[in-house]
Amino acid sequence: MALRFIGIDPNTGDDECPTVWYDDEADEIVVQGWKAGNELRARCLETGSIPDSEDVVRLPVRMVPILRKACNAAEGAHVR
């Protein structure tokens, strides 16, 4: 199967579309979100570095049910 669409922000507009997928081949939850601004990045850097291969993204809290669904999909893949 590979990349399975889990859900999109229910309040999505034309240019804002945070989305969540589950990749069952890589065994990863994949997230598209809004880029973190400099202030948020700076606050995140207080806890540790952000490698060049990683980034900080933001998701609205209304997407919690979609994230739970992605977590359930990931956990279910290991139950087989």
N, C-alpha and C. Protein backbone atom coordinates (compact mmCIF):
# COMPACT_ATOMS: atom_id res chain seq x y z
N MET A 1 0.84 -1.19 0.00
CA MET A 1 0.00 0.00 0.00
C MET A 1 0.87 1.25 0.00
N ALA A 2 1.76 1.40 0.92
CA ALA A 2 2.66 2.56 1.05
C ALA A 2 2.00 3.75 1.74
N LEU A 3 1.77 4.83 1.02
CA LEU A 3 1.27 6.05 1.63
C LEU A 3 -0.26 6.06 1.66
N ARG A 4 -0.82 6.10 2.88
CA ARG A 4 -2.28 6.09 3.04
C ARG A 4 -2.74 7.43 3.59
N PHE A 5 -3.62 8.09 2.88
CA PHE A 5 -4.19 9.36 3.33
C PHE A 5 -5.03 9.09 4.57
N ILE A 6 -4.80 9.89 5.63
CA ILE A 6 -5.55 9.76 6.87
C ILE A 6 -6.59 10.87 6.98
N GLY A 7 -6.18 12.11 6.76
CA GLY A 7 -7.14 13.19 6.86
C GLY A 7 -6.51 14.54 6.60
N ILE A 8 -7.39 15.50 6.36
CA ILE A 8 -6.99 16.88 6.08
C ILE A 8 -7.70 17.79 7.07
N ASP A 9 -7.12 18.91 7.37
CA ASP A 9 -7.72 19.89 8.28
C ASP A 9 -9.17 20.13 7.86
N PRO A 10 -10.13 19.89 8.76
CA PRO A 10 -11.53 20.06 8.38
C PRO A 10 -11.91 21.50 8.02
N ASN A 11 -11.11 22.46 8.42
CA ASN A 11 -11.38 23.86 8.09
C ASN A 11 -10.47 24.36 6.98
N THR A 12 -9.98 23.45 6.17
CA THR A 12 -9.01 23.82 5.15
C THR A 12 -9.61 24.81 4.14
N GLY A 13 -8.76 25.71 3.70
CA GLY A 13 -9.14 26.67 2.67
C GLY A 13 -8.39 26.35 1.40
N ASP A 14 -8.34 27.30 0.51
CA ASP A 14 -7.66 27.08 -0.76
C ASP A 14 -6.14 27.00 -0.61
N ASP A 15 -5.58 27.74 0.36
CA ASP A 15 -4.12 27.78 0.46
C ASP A 15 -3.60 27.29 1.81
N GLU A 16 -4.44 26.73 2.63
CA GLU A 16 -4.00 26.17 3.91
C GLU A 16 -4.57 24.77 4.02
N CYS A 17 -3.70 23.78 3.98
CA CYS A 17 -4.23 22.42 3.99
C CYS A 17 -3.33 21.47 4.78
N PRO A 18 -3.20 21.65 6.10
CA PRO A 18 -2.47 20.64 6.87
C PRO A 18 -3.10 19.27 6.63
N THR A 19 -2.26 18.28 6.43
CA THR A 19 -2.70 16.94 6.06
C THR A 19 -1.87 15.91 6.79
N VAL A 20 -2.45 14.73 7.03
CA VAL A 20 -1.75 13.64 7.70
C VAL A 20 -1.91 12.38 6.86
N TRP A 21 -0.81 11.63 6.71
CA TRP A 21 -0.78 10.34 6.03
C TRP A 21 -0.10 9.32 6.93
N TYR A 22 -0.28 8.05 6.62
CA TYR A 22 0.50 6.98 7.26
C TYR A 22 1.19 6.21 6.16
N ASP A 23 2.51 6.08 6.25
CA ASP A 23 3.31 5.32 5.29
C ASP A 23 3.61 3.96 5.90
N ASP A 24 2.91 2.93 5.42
CA ASP A 24 3.09 1.63 6.05
C ASP A 24 4.36 0.91 5.60
N GLU A 25 4.99 1.34 4.52
CA GLU A 25 6.27 0.76 4.11
C GLU A 25 7.41 1.32 4.96
N ALA A 26 7.40 2.62 5.18
CA ALA A 26 8.44 3.26 5.99
C ALA A 26 8.08 3.21 7.48
N ASP A 27 6.83 2.85 7.78
CA ASP A 27 6.32 2.82 9.15
C ASP A 27 6.47 4.20 9.80
N GLU A 28 5.90 5.20 9.12
CA GLU A 28 6.00 6.59 9.58
C GLU A 28 4.66 7.31 9.41
N ILE A 29 4.40 8.24 10.32
CA ILE A 29 3.29 9.17 10.17
C ILE A 29 3.86 10.39 9.46
N VAL A 30 3.24 10.80 8.38
CA VAL A 30 3.72 11.91 7.56
C VAL A 30 2.77 13.09 7.76
N VAL A 31 3.34 14.26 8.03
CA VAL A 31 2.53 15.43 8.36
C VAL A 31 2.91 16.60 7.47
N GLN A 32 1.91 17.24 6.90
CA GLN A 32 2.10 18.52 6.21
C GLN A 32 1.43 19.56 7.08
N GLY A 33 2.16 20.59 7.43
CA GLY A 33 1.60 21.65 8.27
C GLY A 33 2.14 23.00 7.86
N TRP A 34 1.73 23.98 8.63
CA TRP A 34 2.22 25.34 8.37
C TRP A 34 3.65 25.46 8.87
N LYS A 35 4.47 26.20 8.16
CA LYS A 35 5.85 26.44 8.59
C LYS A 35 5.83 27.22 9.90
N ALA A 36 6.74 26.85 10.77
CA ALA A 36 6.89 27.58 12.02
C ALA A 36 7.60 28.90 11.74
N GLY A 37 7.14 29.94 12.38
CA GLY A 37 7.80 31.23 12.25
C GLY A 37 9.08 31.28 13.08
N ASN A 38 9.84 32.33 12.92
CA ASN A 38 11.12 32.46 13.62
C ASN A 38 10.96 32.42 15.13
N GLU A 39 9.90 33.05 15.65
CA GLU A 39 9.70 33.06 17.10
C GLU A 39 9.46 31.65 17.64
N LEU A 40 8.60 30.89 16.98
CA LEU A 40 8.32 29.52 17.42
C LEU A 40 9.56 28.65 17.29
N ARG A 41 10.27 28.78 16.16
CA ARG A 41 11.52 28.02 15.99
C ARG A 41 12.50 28.33 17.11
N ALA A 42 12.63 29.60 17.47
CA ALA A 42 13.55 30.00 18.54
C ALA A 42 13.15 29.34 19.85
N ARG A 43 11.85 29.30 20.13
CA ARG A 43 11.38 28.66 21.38
C ARG A 43 11.66 27.17 21.35
N CYS A 44 11.47 26.54 20.20
CA CYS A 44 11.76 25.11 20.07
C CYS A 44 13.26 24.83 20.24
N LEU A 45 14.09 25.74 19.75
CA LEU A 45 15.54 25.57 19.87
C LEU A 45 16.02 25.65 21.32
N GLU A 46 15.19 26.16 22.21
CA GLU A 46 15.55 26.19 23.64
C GLU A 46 15.65 24.77 24.20
N THR A 47 14.99 23.82 23.56
CA THR A 47 15.01 22.43 24.03
C THR A 47 16.12 21.62 23.38
N GLY A 48 16.62 22.06 22.24
CA GLY A 48 17.66 21.33 21.53
C GLY A 48 17.73 21.81 20.09
N SER A 49 18.71 21.30 19.37
CA SER A 49 18.92 21.75 17.99
C SER A 49 17.88 21.13 17.05
N ILE A 50 17.74 21.73 15.89
CA ILE A 50 16.89 21.21 14.82
C ILE A 50 17.83 20.91 13.66
N PRO A 51 18.10 19.63 13.40
CA PRO A 51 19.01 19.28 12.31
C PRO A 51 18.51 19.80 10.97
N ASP A 52 19.41 19.98 10.02
CA ASP A 52 19.04 20.46 8.69
C ASP A 52 18.03 19.53 8.01
N SER A 53 18.03 18.26 8.39
CA SER A 53 17.12 17.29 7.76
C SER A 53 15.73 17.30 8.40
N GLU A 54 15.51 18.16 9.40
CA GLU A 54 14.23 18.23 10.10
C GLU A 54 13.72 19.66 10.12
N ASP A 55 12.45 19.83 10.49
CA ASP A 55 11.89 21.17 10.61
C ASP A 55 10.74 21.14 11.61
N VAL A 56 10.26 22.28 11.98
CA VAL A 56 9.13 22.42 12.89
C VAL A 56 7.93 22.85 12.06
N VAL A 57 6.83 22.12 12.20
CA VAL A 57 5.58 22.49 11.53
C VAL A 57 4.49 22.63 12.58
N ARG A 58 3.45 23.38 12.24
CA ARG A 58 2.34 23.61 13.17
C ARG A 58 1.09 22.96 12.59
N LEU A 59 0.29 22.39 13.47
CA LEU A 59 -1.02 21.84 13.10
C LEU A 59 -2.06 22.41 14.05
N PRO A 60 -3.25 22.70 13.56
CA PRO A 60 -4.29 23.19 14.47
C PRO A 60 -4.79 22.06 15.37
N VAL A 61 -5.15 22.40 16.58
CA VAL A 61 -5.61 21.41 17.56
C VAL A 61 -6.87 20.69 17.07
N ARG A 62 -7.61 21.30 16.17
CA ARG A 62 -8.81 20.63 15.64
C ARG A 62 -8.45 19.37 14.86
N MET A 63 -7.16 19.17 14.56
CA MET A 63 -6.72 17.98 13.84
C MET A 63 -6.37 16.82 14.78
N VAL A 64 -6.55 16.98 16.07
CA VAL A 64 -6.24 15.91 17.03
C VAL A 64 -6.93 14.59 16.64
N PRO A 65 -8.23 14.60 16.28
CA PRO A 65 -8.86 13.34 15.88
C PRO A 65 -8.17 12.68 14.67
N ILE A 66 -7.68 13.50 13.75
CA ILE A 66 -6.98 12.97 12.58
C ILE A 66 -5.64 12.39 12.99
N LEU A 67 -4.93 13.05 13.90
CA LEU A 67 -3.66 12.52 14.39
C LEU A 67 -3.87 11.22 15.15
N ARG A 68 -4.96 11.13 15.94
CA ARG A 68 -5.28 9.88 16.64
C ARG A 68 -5.52 8.76 15.63
N LYS A 69 -6.22 9.09 14.55
CA LYS A 69 -6.50 8.10 13.52
C LYS A 69 -5.20 7.60 12.90
N ALA A 70 -4.25 8.51 12.68
CA ALA A 70 -2.94 8.12 12.13
C ALA A 70 -2.18 7.24 13.13
N CYS A 71 -2.24 7.61 14.40
CA CYS A 71 -1.57 6.79 15.43
C CYS A 71 -2.20 5.40 15.50
N ASN A 72 -3.53 5.33 15.41
CA ASN A 72 -4.21 4.04 15.41
C ASN A 72 -3.82 3.20 14.20
N ALA A 73 -3.67 3.84 13.05
CA ALA A 73 -3.25 3.12 11.85
C ALA A 73 -1.84 2.56 12.04
N ALA A 74 -0.97 3.37 12.62
CA ALA A 74 0.40 2.92 12.84
C ALA A 74 0.45 1.77 13.84
N GLU A 75 -0.31 1.89 14.93
CA GLU A 75 -0.34 0.82 15.93
C GLU A 75 -0.97 -0.45 15.35
N GLY A 76 -2.02 -0.28 14.56
CA GLY A 76 -2.69 -1.42 13.95
C GLY A 76 -1.79 -2.19 13.02
N ALA A 77 -0.86 -1.51 12.38
CA ALA A 77 0.06 -2.16 11.47
C ALA A 77 0.97 -3.14 12.21
N HIS A 78 1.18 -2.90 13.50
CA HIS A 78 2.07 -3.76 14.29
C HIS A 78 1.32 -4.88 14.98
N VAL A 79 0.00 -4.85 14.92
CA VAL A 79 -0.81 -5.87 15.60
C VAL A 79 -0.97 -7.11 14.73
N ARG A 80 -0.84 -6.95 13.43
CA ARG A 80 -1.08 -8.05 12.50
C ARG A 80 -0.42 -9.30 12.89
